[in-house]
């Protein structure tokens, strides 16, 4: 009986070992390399010799993540670490992957991106702005479709973390996280985004503004509370001199300020510059005559952290009652909102 129990236990153990989560990669390459590796950051997850252009890599899978298949010192190709078997082939500088669900989906996305990139280069050389604009729209649609097809799995989380979260408010991000399957919802990135939801809720429309008290260019602290008050609408604007999109928004800010500064409108600019010279030069060169403050801490700006800023330009319009009435007003949107609130 003891022998039978031992035999059954051994069989179960063997079955457990043989069923462990692994990604098996059967690879072929036309590059002259001796070794192939799978890397996660600086960590080597697997390695194998390349013989006659072929190799096999076995990678342990703890959870889904994007990793890199590295061929010697020749190339790095992103793949998804998932349980299963995939075929990998490097030919003329482009890698194709097939055989497992997430990798198939990611490969389809990458191929579509490559096609658009090739078209963009030709359009750029031909100075075909109409085609370039069309390609940008197509790229956004490809990203949207890829996300929608993977909203519940790791690739959906990857898109949220790397791109989509930057344009989402608290409700939108919370709804997106609710679509994740139970396993993916437990990933660290998902938990981090859930924490961001709570941070974004603090700056939701209708909530009280969050105090900021930072020094101006002369080192004198100016509190946001000293600016907000009855009869005033204050735009809290996070920007930096090094930020191209911020500087492209500048003409609209100048227009709005000129039109409404005497009608109860003020701008409280919070710079994410890392040097005082760059910050003050941008102010002077562009005649930005409103209130400016900064702690010169780049992305470590304490006010930016309090407001959950992870991209710039970002702004919030605070009403006379101290509550947020709008956010991320772009282009003519600021003038239109002020016209609605203050009048022409």
C-alpha atoms as a PDB file:
ATOM      1  CA  UNK A   1       0.000   0.000   0.000  1.00  0.00           C
ATOM      2  CA  UNK A   2       2.818   2.384   0.956  1.00  0.00           C
ATOM      3  CA  UNK A   3       4.537   1.670  -2.373  1.00  0.00           C
ATOM      4  CA  UNK A   4       1.278   2.394  -4.217  1.00  0.00           C
ATOM      5  CA  UNK A   5       0.788   5.685  -2.350  1.00  0.00           C
ATOM      6  CA  UNK A   6       4.406   6.634  -3.052  1.00  0.00           C
ATOM      7  CA  UNK A   7       4.005   5.777  -6.736  1.00  0.00           C
ATOM      8  CA  UNK A   8       0.831   7.827  -7.002  1.00  0.00           C
ATOM      9  CA  UNK A   9       2.464  10.775  -5.213  1.00  0.00           C
ATOM     10  CA  UNK A  10       5.447  10.617  -7.547  1.00  0.00           C
ATOM     11  CA  UNK A  11       3.178  10.500 -10.574  1.00  0.00           C
ATOM     12  CA  UNK A  12       1.234  13.529  -9.365  1.00  0.00           C
ATOM     13  CA  UNK A  13       4.462  15.407  -8.711  1.00  0.00           C
ATOM     14  CA  UNK A  14       5.747  14.545 -12.187  1.00  0.00           C
ATOM     15  CA  UNK A  15       2.478  15.681 -13.742  1.00  0.00           C
ATOM     16  CA  UNK A  16       2.671  18.931 -11.810  1.00  0.00           C
ATOM     17  CA  UNK A  17       6.230  19.578 -12.982  1.00  0.00           C
ATOM     18  CA  UNK A  18       5.484  18.771 -16.597  1.00  0.00           C
ATOM     19  CA  UNK A  19       2.483  21.129 -16.545  1.00  0.00           C
ATOM     20  CA  UNK A  20       4.315  24.184 -15.206  1.00  0.00           C
ATOM     21  CA  UNK A  21       3.909  27.490 -16.979  1.00  0.00           C
ATOM     22  CA  UNK A  22       6.461  27.849 -19.745  1.00  0.00           C
ATOM     23  CA  UNK A  23       6.792  29.626 -23.040  1.00  0.00           C
ATOM     24  CA  UNK A  24       8.618  27.507 -25.616  1.00  0.00           C
ATOM     25  CA  UNK A  25      10.052  29.480 -28.519  1.00  0.00           C
ATOM     26  CA  UNK A  26      11.113  27.656 -31.666  1.00  0.00           C
ATOM     27  CA  UNK A  27      13.165  30.208 -33.516  1.00  0.00           C
ATOM     28  CA  UNK A  28      14.800  30.723 -36.890  1.00  0.00           C
ATOM     29  CA  UNK A  29      16.963  33.625 -37.954  1.00  0.00           C
ATOM     30  CA  UNK A  30      18.843  34.806 -41.023  1.00  0.00           C
ATOM     31  CA  UNK A  31      21.263  36.763 -38.836  1.00  0.00           C
ATOM     32  CA  UNK A  32      24.744  35.479 -38.077  1.00  0.00           C
ATOM     33  CA  UNK A  33      24.612  35.120 -34.303  1.00  0.00           C
ATOM     34  CA  UNK A  34      25.831  32.495 -31.857  1.00  0.00           C
ATOM     35  CA  UNK A  35      23.325  32.933 -29.026  1.00  0.00           C
ATOM     36  CA  UNK A  36      19.716  33.941 -28.474  1.00  0.00           C
ATOM     37  CA  UNK A  37      18.333  35.284 -25.206  1.00  0.00           C
ATOM     38  CA  UNK A  38      15.051  36.328 -23.630  1.00  0.00           C
ATOM     39  CA  UNK A  39      15.454  39.425 -21.480  1.00  0.00           C
ATOM     40  CA  UNK A  40      13.208  41.195 -18.997  1.00  0.00           C
ATOM     41  CA  UNK A  41      14.877  44.489 -18.258  1.00  0.00           C
ATOM     42  CA  UNK A  42      18.448  43.499 -17.426  1.00  0.00           C
ATOM     43  CA  UNK A  43      17.485  40.001 -16.323  1.00  0.00           C
ATOM     44  CA  UNK A  44      18.154  37.014 -18.595  1.00  0.00           C
ATOM     45  CA  UNK A  45      15.170  34.662 -18.435  1.00  0.00           C
ATOM     46  CA  UNK A  46      16.507  32.094 -20.920  1.00  0.00           C
ATOM     47  CA  UNK A  47      19.370  31.552 -23.361  1.00  0.00           C
ATOM     48  CA  UNK A  48      20.206  29.047 -26.091  1.00  0.00           C
ATOM     49  CA  UNK A  49      22.861  28.527 -28.779  1.00  0.00           C
ATOM     50  CA  UNK A  50      21.935  29.265 -32.383  1.00  0.00           C
ATOM     51  CA  UNK A  51      22.854  26.386 -34.673  1.00  0.00           C
ATOM     52  CA  UNK A  52      22.356  26.605 -38.436  1.00  0.00           C
ATOM     53  CA  UNK A  53      20.042  29.564 -37.859  1.00  0.00           C
ATOM     54  CA  UNK A  54      17.767  27.702 -35.438  1.00  0.00           C
ATOM     55  CA  UNK A  55      17.287  27.753 -31.671  1.00  0.00           C
ATOM     56  CA  UNK A  56      14.844  26.767 -28.946  1.00  0.00           C
ATOM     57  CA  UNK A  57      14.231  28.845 -25.838  1.00  0.00           C
ATOM     58  CA  UNK A  58      12.207  27.774 -22.802  1.00  0.00           C
ATOM     59  CA  UNK A  59      11.064  30.666 -20.647  1.00  0.00           C
ATOM     60  CA  UNK A  60       9.396  30.343 -17.219  1.00  0.00           C
ATOM     61  CA  UNK A  61       6.092  32.242 -17.047  1.00  0.00           C
ATOM     62  CA  UNK A  62       5.135  33.758 -13.707  1.00  0.00           C
ATOM     63  CA  UNK A  63       2.764  36.271 -15.239  1.00  0.00           C
ATOM     64  CA  UNK A  64       2.211  37.873 -18.617  1.00  0.00           C
ATOM     65  CA  UNK A  65       4.664  40.607 -19.584  1.00  0.00           C
ATOM     66  CA  UNK A  66       6.419  42.049 -22.600  1.00  0.00           C
ATOM     67  CA  UNK A  67       9.963  40.741 -22.871  1.00  0.00           C
ATOM     68  CA  UNK A  68      12.655  40.906 -25.532  1.00  0.00           C
ATOM     69  CA  UNK A  69      14.094  38.159 -27.670  1.00  0.00           C
ATOM     70  CA  UNK A  70      17.683  39.239 -28.249  1.00  0.00           C
ATOM     71  CA  UNK A  71      19.812  37.795 -31.022  1.00  0.00           C
ATOM     72  CA  UNK A  72      23.432  38.278 -30.015  1.00  0.00           C
ATOM     73  CA  UNK A  73      24.196  41.963 -30.556  1.00  0.00           C
ATOM     74  CA  UNK A  74      22.061  42.174 -33.704  1.00  0.00           C
ATOM     75  CA  UNK A  75      18.448  42.788 -32.680  1.00  0.00           C
ATOM     76  CA  UNK A  76      15.812  43.011 -29.934  1.00  0.00           C
ATOM     77  CA  UNK A  77      12.243  41.930 -30.668  1.00  0.00           C
ATOM     78  CA  UNK A  78       9.351  42.364 -28.246  1.00  0.00           C
ATOM     79  CA  UNK A  79       7.245  39.285 -27.513  1.00  0.00           C
ATOM     80  CA  UNK A  80       4.649  38.431 -24.896  1.00  0.00           C
ATOM     81  CA  UNK A  81       5.694  36.012 -22.183  1.00  0.00           C
ATOM     82  CA  UNK A  82       2.714  33.630 -22.004  1.00  0.00           C
ATOM     83  CA  UNK A  83       2.253  29.909 -21.503  1.00  0.00           C
ATOM     84  CA  UNK A  84       2.384  27.965 -24.751  1.00  0.00           C
ATOM     85  CA  UNK A  85       4.505  27.468 -27.858  1.00  0.00           C
ATOM     86  CA  UNK A  86       5.318  30.051 -30.480  1.00  0.00           C
ATOM     87  CA  UNK A  87       7.232  30.167 -33.727  1.00  0.00           C
ATOM     88  CA  UNK A  88       9.657  33.028 -34.115  1.00  0.00           C
ATOM     89  CA  UNK A  89      11.311  33.968 -37.388  1.00  0.00           C
ATOM     90  CA  UNK A  90      13.707  36.822 -38.072  1.00  0.00           C
ATOM     91  CA  UNK A  91      14.005  37.683 -41.741  1.00  0.00           C
ATOM     92  CA  UNK A  92      15.546  40.791 -43.279  1.00  0.00           C
ATOM     93  CA  UNK A  93      15.395  42.730 -40.047  1.00  0.00           C
ATOM     94  CA  UNK A  94      11.765  42.040 -39.114  1.00  0.00           C
ATOM     95  CA  UNK A  95      10.586  39.395 -36.663  1.00  0.00           C
ATOM     96  CA  UNK A  96       7.305  37.505 -37.012  1.00  0.00           C
ATOM     97  CA  UNK A  97       5.725  35.533 -34.176  1.00  0.00           C
ATOM     98  CA  UNK A  98       2.792  33.118 -34.192  1.00  0.00           C
ATOM     99  CA  UNK A  99       1.211  30.276 -32.266  1.00  0.00           C
ATOM    100  CA  UNK A 100      -0.163  31.722 -29.011  1.00  0.00           C
ATOM    101  CA  UNK A 101      -3.141  34.022 -28.407  1.00  0.00           C
ATOM    102  CA  UNK A 102      -1.484  37.126 -26.963  1.00  0.00           C
ATOM    103  CA  UNK A 103       1.523  36.950 -29.252  1.00  0.00           C
ATOM    104  CA  UNK A 104      -0.719  36.545 -32.298  1.00  0.00           C
ATOM    105  CA  UNK A 105      -2.666  39.648 -31.314  1.00  0.00           C
ATOM    106  CA  UNK A 106       0.454  41.655 -30.527  1.00  0.00           C
ATOM    107  CA  UNK A 107       2.090  40.608 -33.797  1.00  0.00           C
ATOM    108  CA  UNK A 108      -0.969  41.759 -35.755  1.00  0.00           C
ATOM    109  CA  UNK A 109      -0.725  45.140 -33.995  1.00  0.00           C
ATOM    110  CA  UNK A 110       3.004  45.480 -34.656  1.00  0.00           C
ATOM    111  CA  UNK A 111       2.601  44.575 -38.333  1.00  0.00           C
ATOM    112  CA  UNK A 112      -0.076  47.239 -38.738  1.00  0.00           C
ATOM    113  CA  UNK A 113       2.175  49.781 -37.027  1.00  0.00           C
ATOM    114  CA  UNK A 114       5.083  48.866 -39.312  1.00  0.00           C
ATOM    115  CA  UNK A 115       2.915  49.304 -42.395  1.00  0.00           C
ATOM    116  CA  UNK A 116       1.840  52.778 -41.255  1.00  0.00           C
ATOM    117  CA  UNK A 117       5.419  53.722 -40.407  1.00  0.00           C
ATOM    118  CA  UNK A 118       6.559  52.735 -43.899  1.00  0.00           C
ATOM    119  CA  UNK A 119       3.745  54.817 -45.412  1.00  0.00           C
ATOM    120  CA  UNK A 120       4.580  57.739 -43.140  1.00  0.00           C
ATOM    121  CA  UNK A 121       8.221  57.814 -44.229  1.00  0.00           C
ATOM    122  CA  UNK A 122       7.176  57.984 -47.875  1.00  0.00           C
ATOM    123  CA  UNK A 123       4.583  60.684 -47.144  1.00  0.00           C
ATOM    124  CA  UNK A 124       7.138  62.676 -45.155  1.00  0.00           C
ATOM    125  CA  UNK A 125       9.648  62.546 -47.992  1.00  0.00           C
ATOM    126  CA  UNK A 126       6.922  63.632 -50.424  1.00  0.00           C
ATOM    127  CA  UNK A 127       5.770  66.364 -48.010  1.00  0.00           C
ATOM    128  CA  UNK A 128       2.227  65.030 -48.343  1.00  0.00           C
ATOM    129  CA  UNK A 129       0.628  66.594 -45.255  1.00  0.00           C
ATOM    130  CA  UNK A 130      -2.861  65.356 -46.138  1.00  0.00           C
ATOM    131  CA  UNK A 131      -1.646  61.763 -46.156  1.00  0.00           C
ATOM    132  CA  UNK A 132       0.343  62.306 -42.956  1.00  0.00           C
ATOM    133  CA  UNK A 133      -2.783  63.566 -41.181  1.00  0.00           C
ATOM    134  CA  UNK A 134      -4.717  60.557 -42.471  1.00  0.00           C
ATOM    135  CA  UNK A 135      -2.015  58.188 -41.220  1.00  0.00           C
ATOM    136  CA  UNK A 136      -2.188  59.724 -37.748  1.00  0.00           C
ATOM    137  CA  UNK A 137      -5.922  59.046 -37.692  1.00  0.00           C
ATOM    138  CA  UNK A 138      -5.333  55.471 -38.855  1.00  0.00           C
ATOM    139  CA  UNK A 139      -2.718  54.967 -36.147  1.00  0.00           C
ATOM    140  CA  UNK A 140      -5.208  56.090 -33.487  1.00  0.00           C
ATOM    141  CA  UNK A 141      -7.807  53.680 -34.867  1.00  0.00           C
ATOM    142  CA  UNK A 142      -5.335  50.783 -34.888  1.00  0.00           C
ATOM    143  CA  UNK A 143      -4.476  51.493 -31.259  1.00  0.00           C
ATOM    144  CA  UNK A 144      -8.166  51.735 -30.334  1.00  0.00           C
ATOM    145  CA  UNK A 145      -9.026  48.472 -32.097  1.00  0.00           C
ATOM    146  CA  UNK A 146      -6.072  46.666 -30.512  1.00  0.00           C
ATOM    147  CA  UNK A 147      -7.179  47.833 -27.079  1.00  0.00           C
ATOM    148  CA  UNK A 148     -10.825  46.882 -27.610  1.00  0.00           C
ATOM    149  CA  UNK A 149      -9.809  43.377 -28.715  1.00  0.00           C
ATOM    150  CA  UNK A 150      -7.679  42.946 -25.582  1.00  0.00           C
ATOM    151  CA  UNK A 151      -9.441  45.075 -22.972  1.00  0.00           C
ATOM    152  CA  UNK A 152      -9.747  42.170 -20.521  1.00  0.00           C
ATOM    153  CA  UNK A 153      -6.237  40.728 -20.768  1.00  0.00           C
ATOM    154  CA  UNK A 154      -2.618  41.736 -20.239  1.00  0.00           C
ATOM    155  CA  UNK A 155      -2.352  43.543 -23.574  1.00  0.00           C
ATOM    156  CA  UNK A 156      -5.273  45.749 -22.604  1.00  0.00           C
ATOM    157  CA  UNK A 157      -3.488  46.588 -19.353  1.00  0.00           C
ATOM    158  CA  UNK A 158      -0.297  47.230 -21.318  1.00  0.00           C
ATOM    159  CA  UNK A 159      -2.103  49.762 -23.525  1.00  0.00           C
ATOM    160  CA  UNK A 160      -3.677  51.469 -20.530  1.00  0.00           C
ATOM    161  CA  UNK A 161      -0.361  51.752 -18.733  1.00  0.00           C
ATOM    162  CA  UNK A 162       1.757  52.828 -21.694  1.00  0.00           C
ATOM    163  CA  UNK A 163      -0.615  55.114 -23.567  1.00  0.00           C
ATOM    164  CA  UNK A 164      -4.361  55.340 -23.004  1.00  0.00           C
ATOM    165  CA  UNK A 165      -4.332  56.364 -19.334  1.00  0.00           C
ATOM    166  CA  UNK A 166      -2.915  59.768 -20.246  1.00  0.00           C
ATOM    167  CA  UNK A 167      -6.159  60.870 -21.869  1.00  0.00           C
ATOM    168  CA  UNK A 168      -8.542  59.357 -19.324  1.00  0.00           C
ATOM    169  CA  UNK A 169     -10.375  60.900 -16.398  1.00  0.00           C
ATOM    170  CA  UNK A 170     -11.133  58.970 -13.222  1.00  0.00           C
ATOM    171  CA  UNK A 171     -14.418  57.479 -14.437  1.00  0.00           C
ATOM    172  CA  UNK A 172     -12.980  56.371 -17.784  1.00  0.00           C
ATOM    173  CA  UNK A 173      -9.917  54.752 -16.222  1.00  0.00           C
ATOM    174  CA  UNK A 174     -11.971  53.046 -13.524  1.00  0.00           C
ATOM    175  CA  UNK A 175     -14.329  51.625 -16.172  1.00  0.00           C
ATOM    176  CA  UNK A 176     -11.371  50.350 -18.199  1.00  0.00           C
ATOM    177  CA  UNK A 177      -9.851  48.605 -15.174  1.00  0.00           C
ATOM    178  CA  UNK A 178     -13.201  46.960 -14.441  1.00  0.00           C
ATOM    179  CA  UNK A 179     -12.928  45.140 -17.787  1.00  0.00           C
ATOM    180  CA  UNK A 180      -9.728  43.299 -16.770  1.00  0.00           C
ATOM    181  CA  UNK A 181      -9.981  39.600 -16.003  1.00  0.00           C
ATOM    182  CA  UNK A 182      -9.408  38.523 -12.398  1.00  0.00           C
ATOM    183  CA  UNK A 183      -5.806  37.460 -12.950  1.00  0.00           C
ATOM    184  CA  UNK A 184      -4.720  40.622 -14.757  1.00  0.00           C
ATOM    185  CA  UNK A 185      -6.501  42.841 -12.228  1.00  0.00           C
ATOM    186  CA  UNK A 186      -4.040  41.561  -9.603  1.00  0.00           C
ATOM    187  CA  UNK A 187      -0.951  42.701 -11.532  1.00  0.00           C
ATOM    188  CA  UNK A 188       1.081  45.513  -9.996  1.00  0.00           C
ATOM    189  CA  UNK A 189       0.426  47.785 -12.991  1.00  0.00           C
ATOM    190  CA  UNK A 190      -3.332  47.355 -12.535  1.00  0.00           C
ATOM    191  CA  UNK A 191      -3.092  48.164  -8.832  1.00  0.00           C
ATOM    192  CA  UNK A 192      -0.973  51.220  -9.636  1.00  0.00           C
ATOM    193  CA  UNK A 193      -3.597  52.449 -12.088  1.00  0.00           C
ATOM    194  CA  UNK A 194      -6.303  51.838  -9.485  1.00  0.00           C
ATOM    195  CA  UNK A 195      -4.365  54.116  -7.134  1.00  0.00           C
ATOM    196  CA  UNK A 196      -4.252  56.699  -9.912  1.00  0.00           C
ATOM    197  CA  UNK A 197      -8.044  56.533 -10.188  1.00  0.00           C
ATOM    198  CA  UNK A 198      -8.309  57.610  -6.561  1.00  0.00           C
ATOM    199  CA  UNK A 199      -5.855  60.448  -7.197  1.00  0.00           C
ATOM    200  CA  UNK A 200      -7.788  61.610 -10.268  1.00  0.00           C
ATOM    201  CA  UNK A 201     -11.022  61.654  -8.282  1.00  0.00           C
ATOM    202  CA  UNK A 202      -9.565  64.415  -6.127  1.00  0.00           C
ATOM    203  CA  UNK A 203      -9.364  66.721  -9.138  1.00  0.00           C
ATOM    204  CA  UNK A 204     -12.708  65.750 -10.665  1.00  0.00           C
ATOM    205  CA  UNK A 205     -15.063  68.495 -11.822  1.00  0.00           C
ATOM    206  CA  UNK A 206     -17.081  69.807  -8.886  1.00  0.00           C
ATOM    207  CA  UNK A 207     -14.432  69.101  -6.244  1.00  0.00           C
ATOM    208  CA  UNK A 208     -12.590  71.797  -4.297  1.00  0.00           C
ATOM    209  CA  UNK A 209      -9.230  72.865  -5.692  1.00  0.00           C
ATOM    210  CA  UNK A 210      -6.046  71.522  -4.096  1.00  0.00           C
ATOM    211  CA  UNK A 211      -3.811  74.148  -2.542  1.00  0.00           C
ATOM    212  CA  UNK A 212      -0.467  74.956  -4.177  1.00  0.00           C
ATOM    213  CA  UNK A 213       2.153  77.183  -2.575  1.00  0.00           C
ATOM    214  CA  UNK A 214       5.320  77.517  -4.650  1.00  0.00           C
ATOM    215  CA  UNK A 215       7.887  80.283  -5.192  1.00  0.00           C
ATOM    216  CA  UNK A 216       7.780  82.723  -8.069  1.00  0.00           C
ATOM    217  CA  UNK A 217      10.856  83.679 -10.101  1.00  0.00           C
ATOM    218  CA  UNK A 218      12.053  85.928  -7.261  1.00  0.00           C
ATOM    219  CA  UNK A 219      11.720  83.190  -4.673  1.00  0.00           C
ATOM    220  CA  UNK A 220       8.560  84.586  -3.097  1.00  0.00           C
ATOM    221  CA  UNK A 221       5.892  81.961  -2.372  1.00  0.00           C
ATOM    222  CA  UNK A 222       2.513  82.522  -4.012  1.00  0.00           C
ATOM    223  CA  UNK A 223      -0.351  80.393  -2.756  1.00  0.00           C
ATOM    224  CA  UNK A 224      -3.124  79.441  -5.140  1.00  0.00           C
ATOM    225  CA  UNK A 225      -5.546  80.371  -2.366  1.00  0.00           C
ATOM    226  CA  UNK A 226      -4.336  83.971  -2.613  1.00  0.00           C
ATOM    227  CA  UNK A 227      -5.492  84.056  -6.246  1.00  0.00           C
ATOM    228  CA  UNK A 228      -8.756  82.126  -6.130  1.00  0.00           C
ATOM    229  CA  UNK A 229     -11.698  84.194  -4.973  1.00  0.00           C
ATOM    230  CA  UNK A 230     -15.088  85.658  -5.674  1.00  0.00           C
ATOM    231  CA  UNK A 231     -15.478  86.931  -9.195  1.00  0.00           C
ATOM    232  CA  UNK A 232     -12.391  85.110 -10.463  1.00  0.00           C
ATOM    233  CA  UNK A 233     -11.804  82.154 -12.715  1.00  0.00           C
ATOM    234  CA  UNK A 234      -8.267  80.799 -12.354  1.00  0.00           C
ATOM    235  CA  UNK A 235      -6.599  78.454 -14.804  1.00  0.00           C
ATOM    236  CA  UNK A 236      -4.071  76.238 -13.001  1.00  0.00           C
ATOM    237  CA  UNK A 237      -1.739  75.431 -15.897  1.00  0.00           C
ATOM    238  CA  UNK A 238       1.022  72.809 -15.666  1.00  0.00           C
ATOM    239  CA  UNK A 239       3.623  73.360 -18.392  1.00  0.00           C
ATOM    240  CA  UNK A 240       7.380  73.520 -19.127  1.00  0.00           C
ATOM    241  CA  UNK A 241       9.625  75.390 -21.542  1.00  0.00           C
ATOM    242  CA  UNK A 242      10.934  72.075 -22.922  1.00  0.00           C
ATOM    243  CA  UNK A 243       7.416  70.798 -23.710  1.00  0.00           C
ATOM    244  CA  UNK A 244       6.583  71.217 -27.411  1.00  0.00           C
ATOM    245  CA  UNK A 245       2.803  70.710 -27.002  1.00  0.00           C
ATOM    246  CA  UNK A 246       2.816  73.266 -24.158  1.00  0.00           C
ATOM    247  CA  UNK A 247       4.454  75.903 -26.342  1.00  0.00           C
ATOM    248  CA  UNK A 248       2.001  75.139 -29.154  1.00  0.00           C
ATOM    249  CA  UNK A 249      -0.842  75.890 -26.735  1.00  0.00           C
ATOM    250  CA  UNK A 250       0.748  79.204 -25.767  1.00  0.00           C
ATOM    251  CA  UNK A 251      -0.930  81.368 -28.457  1.00  0.00           C
ATOM    252  CA  UNK A 252      -4.335  80.277 -27.158  1.00  0.00           C
ATOM    253  CA  UNK A 253      -3.365  81.150 -23.580  1.00  0.00           C
ATOM    254  CA  UNK A 254      -2.101  84.554 -24.685  1.00  0.00           C
ATOM    255  CA  UNK A 255      -5.322  85.193 -26.580  1.00  0.00           C
ATOM    256  CA  UNK A 256      -7.502  84.137 -23.655  1.00  0.00           C
ATOM    257  CA  UNK A 257      -5.506  86.202 -21.171  1.00  0.00           C
ATOM    258  CA  UNK A 258      -5.628  89.324 -23.304  1.00  0.00           C
ATOM    259  CA  UNK A 259      -9.381  88.955 -23.771  1.00  0.00           C
ATOM    260  CA  UNK A 260     -10.375  88.101 -20.192  1.00  0.00           C
ATOM    261  CA  UNK A 261      -7.696  89.283 -17.734  1.00  0.00           C
ATOM    262  CA  UNK A 262      -9.756  92.403 -16.961  1.00  0.00           C
ATOM    263  CA  UNK A 263     -12.983  90.413 -16.649  1.00  0.00           C
ATOM    264  CA  UNK A 264     -12.035  88.137 -13.760  1.00  0.00           C
ATOM    265  CA  UNK A 265      -9.666  85.632 -15.411  1.00  0.00           C
ATOM    266  CA  UNK A 266      -6.201  84.727 -14.122  1.00  0.00           C
ATOM    267  CA  UNK A 267      -3.621  82.081 -15.008  1.00  0.00           C
ATOM    268  CA  UNK A 268      -1.568  80.400 -12.286  1.00  0.00           C
ATOM    269  CA  UNK A 269       1.246  78.719 -14.223  1.00  0.00           C
ATOM    270  CA  UNK A 270       3.134  75.855 -12.595  1.00  0.00           C
ATOM    271  CA  UNK A 271       6.330  75.012 -14.450  1.00  0.00           C
ATOM    272  CA  UNK A 272       7.926  71.561 -14.533  1.00  0.00           C
ATOM    273  CA  UNK A 273      11.234  72.975 -15.714  1.00  0.00           C
ATOM    274  CA  UNK A 274      14.455  71.696 -14.191  1.00  0.00           C
ATOM    275  CA  UNK A 275      16.422  74.946 -14.477  1.00  0.00           C
ATOM    276  CA  UNK A 276      15.384  78.457 -13.502  1.00  0.00           C
ATOM    277  CA  UNK A 277      17.081  80.017 -16.542  1.00  0.00           C
ATOM    278  CA  UNK A 278      15.042  77.965 -19.037  1.00  0.00           C
ATOM    279  CA  UNK A 279      11.835  78.698 -17.136  1.00  0.00           C
ATOM    280  CA  UNK A 280      12.284  82.462 -16.857  1.00  0.00           C
ATOM    281  CA  UNK A 281      13.621  82.809 -20.412  1.00  0.00           C
ATOM    282  CA  UNK A 282      10.455  81.196 -21.793  1.00  0.00           C
ATOM    283  CA  UNK A 283       8.332  83.587 -19.710  1.00  0.00           C
ATOM    284  CA  UNK A 284      10.199  86.658 -20.950  1.00  0.00           C
ATOM    285  CA  UNK A 285      10.589  85.580 -24.571  1.00  0.00           C
ATOM    286  CA  UNK A 286       6.865  84.875 -24.918  1.00  0.00           C
ATOM    287  CA  UNK A 287       5.464  87.772 -22.878  1.00  0.00           C
ATOM    288  CA  UNK A 288       3.664  85.454 -20.481  1.00  0.00           C
ATOM    289  CA  UNK A 289       2.532  88.141 -18.067  1.00  0.00           C
ATOM    290  CA  UNK A 290       0.447  86.033 -15.691  1.00  0.00           C
ATOM    291  CA  UNK A 291       1.421  84.402 -12.380  1.00  0.00           C
ATOM    292  CA  UNK A 292       4.284  81.892 -12.552  1.00  0.00           C
ATOM    293  CA  UNK A 293       5.556  79.532  -9.852  1.00  0.00           C
ATOM    294  CA  UNK A 294       7.899  76.534  -9.795  1.00  0.00           C
ATOM    295  CA  UNK A 295      10.006  74.441  -7.450  1.00  0.00           C
ATOM    296  CA  UNK A 296      12.343  73.595 -10.387  1.00  0.00           C
ATOM    297  CA  UNK A 297      11.990  69.868  -9.694  1.00  0.00           C
ATOM    298  CA  UNK A 298      10.990  68.641 -13.163  1.00  0.00           C
ATOM    299  CA  UNK A 299       8.614  65.641 -12.801  1.00  0.00           C
ATOM    300  CA  UNK A 300       9.220  65.602  -9.051  1.00  0.00           C
ATOM    301  CA  UNK A 301       7.215  68.828  -8.707  1.00  0.00           C
ATOM    302  CA  UNK A 302       5.173  68.403  -5.549  1.00  0.00           C
ATOM    303  CA  UNK A 303       2.137  70.225  -6.947  1.00  0.00           C
ATOM    304  CA  UNK A 304       2.154  68.018 -10.057  1.00  0.00           C
ATOM    305  CA  UNK A 305       2.089  64.941  -7.841  1.00  0.00           C
ATOM    306  CA  UNK A 306      -0.829  66.321  -5.825  1.00  0.00           C
ATOM    307  CA  UNK A 307      -2.802  66.955  -9.011  1.00  0.00           C
ATOM    308  CA  UNK A 308      -1.909  63.573 -10.552  1.00  0.00           C
ATOM    309  CA  UNK A 309      -0.158  65.183 -13.521  1.00  0.00           C
ATOM    310  CA  UNK A 310       1.626  62.591 -15.681  1.00  0.00           C
ATOM    311  CA  UNK A 311       1.644  64.517 -18.956  1.00  0.00           C
ATOM    312  CA  UNK A 312       1.747  68.171 -19.931  1.00  0.00           C
ATOM    313  CA  UNK A 313       0.155  70.458 -20.806  1.00  0.00           C
ATOM    314  CA  UNK A 314      -2.460  69.777 -18.139  1.00  0.00           C
ATOM    315  CA  UNK A 315      -4.804  72.379 -16.708  1.00  0.00           C
ATOM    316  CA  UNK A 316      -7.794  72.903 -14.429  1.00  0.00           C
ATOM    317  CA  UNK A 317     -10.134  75.868 -14.390  1.00  0.00           C
ATOM    318  CA  UNK A 318     -11.129  76.865 -10.844  1.00  0.00           C
ATOM    319  CA  UNK A 319     -14.335  78.836 -10.339  1.00  0.00           C
ATOM    320  CA  UNK A 320     -15.027  81.715  -7.926  1.00  0.00           C
ATOM    321  CA  UNK A 321     -16.345  79.191  -5.376  1.00  0.00           C
ATOM    322  CA  UNK A 322     -13.033  77.316  -5.395  1.00  0.00           C
ATOM    323  CA  UNK A 323     -14.342  74.288  -7.250  1.00  0.00           C
ATOM    324  CA  UNK A 324     -13.016  72.749 -10.467  1.00  0.00           C
ATOM    325  CA  UNK A 325     -15.313  73.695 -13.349  1.00  0.00           C
ATOM    326  CA  UNK A 326     -13.309  72.293 -16.299  1.00  0.00           C
ATOM    327  CA  UNK A 327     -10.041  70.563 -17.095  1.00  0.00           C
ATOM    328  CA  UNK A 328      -7.594  70.104 -19.942  1.00  0.00           C
ATOM    329  CA  UNK A 329      -8.990  72.944 -22.029  1.00  0.00           C
ATOM    330  CA  UNK A 330      -7.116  72.916 -25.343  1.00  0.00           C
ATOM    331  CA  UNK A 331      -6.931  75.318 -28.258  1.00  0.00           C
ATOM    332  CA  UNK A 332     -10.062  77.406 -28.688  1.00  0.00           C
ATOM    333  CA  UNK A 333     -11.675  75.369 -25.915  1.00  0.00           C
ATOM    334  CA  UNK A 334     -10.382  77.772 -23.255  1.00  0.00           C
ATOM    335  CA  UNK A 335     -11.798  80.871 -24.957  1.00  0.00           C
ATOM    336  CA  UNK A 336     -15.107  79.101 -25.558  1.00  0.00           C
ATOM    337  CA  UNK A 337     -15.367  78.050 -21.904  1.00  0.00           C
ATOM    338  CA  UNK A 338     -14.563  81.547 -20.645  1.00  0.00           C
ATOM    339  CA  UNK A 339     -17.126  83.026 -23.027  1.00  0.00           C
ATOM    340  CA  UNK A 340     -19.689  80.617 -21.600  1.00  0.00           C
ATOM    341  CA  UNK A 341     -18.834  81.443 -17.975  1.00  0.00           C
ATOM    342  CA  UNK A 342     -17.927  85.117 -18.136  1.00  0.00           C
ATOM    343  CA  UNK A 343     -19.496  86.293 -21.357  1.00  0.00           C
ATOM    344  CA  UNK A 344     -18.090  87.771 -24.542  1.00  0.00           C
END
